[in-house]
Amino acid sequence: METLTAFITAHPKALILLGIAIAIRLWVNRRRFYRRGWGGLQHYSSYGKALFTTVFERVLMILATLLILAAILLFLTGH
């Protein structure tokens, strides 16, 4: 238990970034899951919504990946 407490107090920024990244990835994947129909394809009401949603979610997933890499970098450098 002491090691976990020491880790949390030594790397709070890395843990915050990691938590935000995981939350973003879970939110996007949950939205994708609930859009799926019987055939396993995502269903949209219009082409514009499909295009906007796809681009928006792709940007969020890239952002989450960058946050994870930043958290790893912060952890390794000890900041």
C-alpha atoms as a PDB file:
ATOM      1  CA  MET A   1       0.000   0.000   0.000  1.00  0.00           C
ATOM      2  CA  GLU A   2       2.875   2.339   0.719  1.00  0.00           C
ATOM      3  CA  THR A   3       4.273   1.885  -2.780  1.00  0.00           C
ATOM      4  CA  LEU A   4       0.920   2.789  -4.337  1.00  0.00           C
ATOM      5  CA  THR A   5       0.684   5.912  -2.185  1.00  0.00           C
ATOM      6  CA  ALA A   6       4.262   6.849  -3.038  1.00  0.00           C
ATOM      7  CA  PHE A   7       3.552   6.370  -6.755  1.00  0.00           C
ATOM      8  CA  ILE A   8       0.421   8.527  -6.636  1.00  0.00           C
ATOM      9  CA  THR A   9       2.148  11.339  -4.755  1.00  0.00           C
ATOM     10  CA  ALA A  10       5.240  11.199  -6.976  1.00  0.00           C
ATOM     11  CA  HIS A  11       3.404  11.257 -10.348  1.00  0.00           C
ATOM     12  CA  PRO A  12       0.085  13.120 -10.004  1.00  0.00           C
ATOM     13  CA  LYS A  13       0.305  14.864 -13.403  1.00  0.00           C
ATOM     14  CA  ALA A  14       0.938  11.599 -15.228  1.00  0.00           C
ATOM     15  CA  LEU A  15      -1.985   9.924 -13.474  1.00  0.00           C
ATOM     16  CA  ILE A  16      -4.323  12.825 -14.250  1.00  0.00           C
ATOM     17  CA  LEU A  17      -3.367  12.747 -17.950  1.00  0.00           C
ATOM     18  CA  LEU A  18      -3.783   8.978 -18.023  1.00  0.00           C
ATOM     19  CA  GLY A  19      -7.193   9.205 -16.366  1.00  0.00           C
ATOM     20  CA  ILE A  20      -8.404  11.840 -18.838  1.00  0.00           C
ATOM     21  CA  ALA A  21      -7.145   9.781 -21.788  1.00  0.00           C
ATOM     22  CA  ILE A  22      -8.863   6.619 -20.558  1.00  0.00           C
ATOM     23  CA  ALA A  23     -12.102   8.545 -19.958  1.00  0.00           C
ATOM     24  CA  ILE A  24     -12.034   9.944 -23.512  1.00  0.00           C
ATOM     25  CA  ARG A  25     -11.394   6.521 -25.028  1.00  0.00           C
ATOM     26  CA  LEU A  26     -14.182   4.919 -22.979  1.00  0.00           C
ATOM     27  CA  TRP A  27     -16.647   7.672 -23.922  1.00  0.00           C
ATOM     28  CA  VAL A  28     -15.915   7.394 -27.651  1.00  0.00           C
ATOM     29  CA  ASN A  29     -16.044   3.591 -27.650  1.00  0.00           C
ATOM     30  CA  ARG A  30     -19.324   3.621 -25.689  1.00  0.00           C
ATOM     31  CA  ARG A  31     -20.870   5.989 -28.253  1.00  0.00           C
ATOM     32  CA  ARG A  32     -19.688   3.736 -31.088  1.00  0.00           C
ATOM     33  CA  PHE A  33     -21.096   0.657 -29.342  1.00  0.00           C
ATOM     34  CA  TYR A  34     -24.566   2.138 -28.905  1.00  0.00           C
ATOM     35  CA  ARG A  35     -24.722   3.280 -32.539  1.00  0.00           C
ATOM     36  CA  ARG A  36     -24.347  -0.265 -33.815  1.00  0.00           C
ATOM     37  CA  GLY A  37     -27.300  -2.114 -35.271  1.00  0.00           C
ATOM     38  CA  TRP A  38     -28.071  -5.785 -35.780  1.00  0.00           C
ATOM     39  CA  GLY A  39     -25.538  -6.165 -38.576  1.00  0.00           C
ATOM     40  CA  GLY A  40     -22.737  -4.595 -36.578  1.00  0.00           C
ATOM     41  CA  LEU A  41     -22.638  -1.394 -38.620  1.00  0.00           C
ATOM     42  CA  GLN A  42     -22.966   2.080 -37.188  1.00  0.00           C
ATOM     43  CA  HIS A  43     -26.202   3.858 -38.120  1.00  0.00           C
ATOM     44  CA  TYR A  44     -26.533   7.609 -38.668  1.00  0.00           C
ATOM     45  CA  SER A  45     -29.563   9.720 -39.550  1.00  0.00           C
ATOM     46  CA  SER A  46     -27.701  11.711 -42.229  1.00  0.00           C
ATOM     47  CA  TYR A  47     -24.440  11.822 -44.131  1.00  0.00           C
ATOM     48  CA  GLY A  48     -23.418  15.081 -42.467  1.00  0.00           C
ATOM     49  CA  LYS A  49     -23.829  13.630 -38.987  1.00  0.00           C
ATOM     50  CA  ALA A  50     -21.843  10.563 -39.996  1.00  0.00           C
ATOM     51  CA  LEU A  51     -19.009  12.661 -41.397  1.00  0.00           C
ATOM     52  CA  PHE A  52     -18.869  15.067 -38.445  1.00  0.00           C
ATOM     53  CA  THR A  53     -19.080  12.286 -35.859  1.00  0.00           C
ATOM     54  CA  THR A  54     -16.388  10.201 -37.544  1.00  0.00           C
ATOM     55  CA  VAL A  55     -13.945  13.106 -37.797  1.00  0.00           C
ATOM     56  CA  PHE A  56     -14.697  14.359 -34.276  1.00  0.00           C
ATOM     57  CA  GLU A  57     -14.238  10.931 -32.715  1.00  0.00           C
ATOM     58  CA  ARG A  58     -11.048  10.284 -34.674  1.00  0.00           C
ATOM     59  CA  VAL A  59      -9.580  13.573 -33.403  1.00  0.00           C
ATOM     60  CA  LEU A  60     -10.560  12.657 -29.836  1.00  0.00           C
ATOM     61  CA  MET A  61      -8.914   9.244 -30.138  1.00  0.00           C
ATOM     62  CA  ILE A  62      -5.699  10.829 -31.450  1.00  0.00           C
ATOM     63  CA  LEU A  63      -5.806  13.312 -28.575  1.00  0.00           C
ATOM     64  CA  ALA A  64      -6.276  10.467 -26.079  1.00  0.00           C
ATOM     65  CA  THR A  65      -3.310   8.609 -27.562  1.00  0.00           C
ATOM     66  CA  LEU A  66      -1.154  11.733 -27.279  1.00  0.00           C
ATOM     67  CA  LEU A  67      -2.243  12.155 -23.656  1.00  0.00           C
ATOM     68  CA  ILE A  68      -1.242   8.570 -22.909  1.00  0.00           C
ATOM     69  CA  LEU A  69       2.172   9.137 -24.487  1.00  0.00           C
ATOM     70  CA  ALA A  70       2.575  12.363 -22.490  1.00  0.00           C
ATOM     71  CA  ALA A  71       1.667  10.523 -19.281  1.00  0.00           C
ATOM     72  CA  ILE A  72       4.272   7.852 -20.027  1.00  0.00           C
ATOM     73  CA  LEU A  73       6.863  10.534 -20.765  1.00  0.00           C
ATOM     74  CA  LEU A  74       6.049  12.355 -17.517  1.00  0.00           C
ATOM     75  CA  PHE A  75       6.267   9.107 -15.604  1.00  0.00           C
ATOM     76  CA  LEU A  76       9.660   8.196 -17.095  1.00  0.00           C
ATOM     77  CA  THR A  77      11.168  11.633 -16.591  1.00  0.00           C
ATOM     78  CA  GLY A  78       9.835  11.903 -13.050  1.00  0.00           C
ATOM     79  CA  HIS A  79       8.045  15.234 -13.395  1.00  0.00           C
END
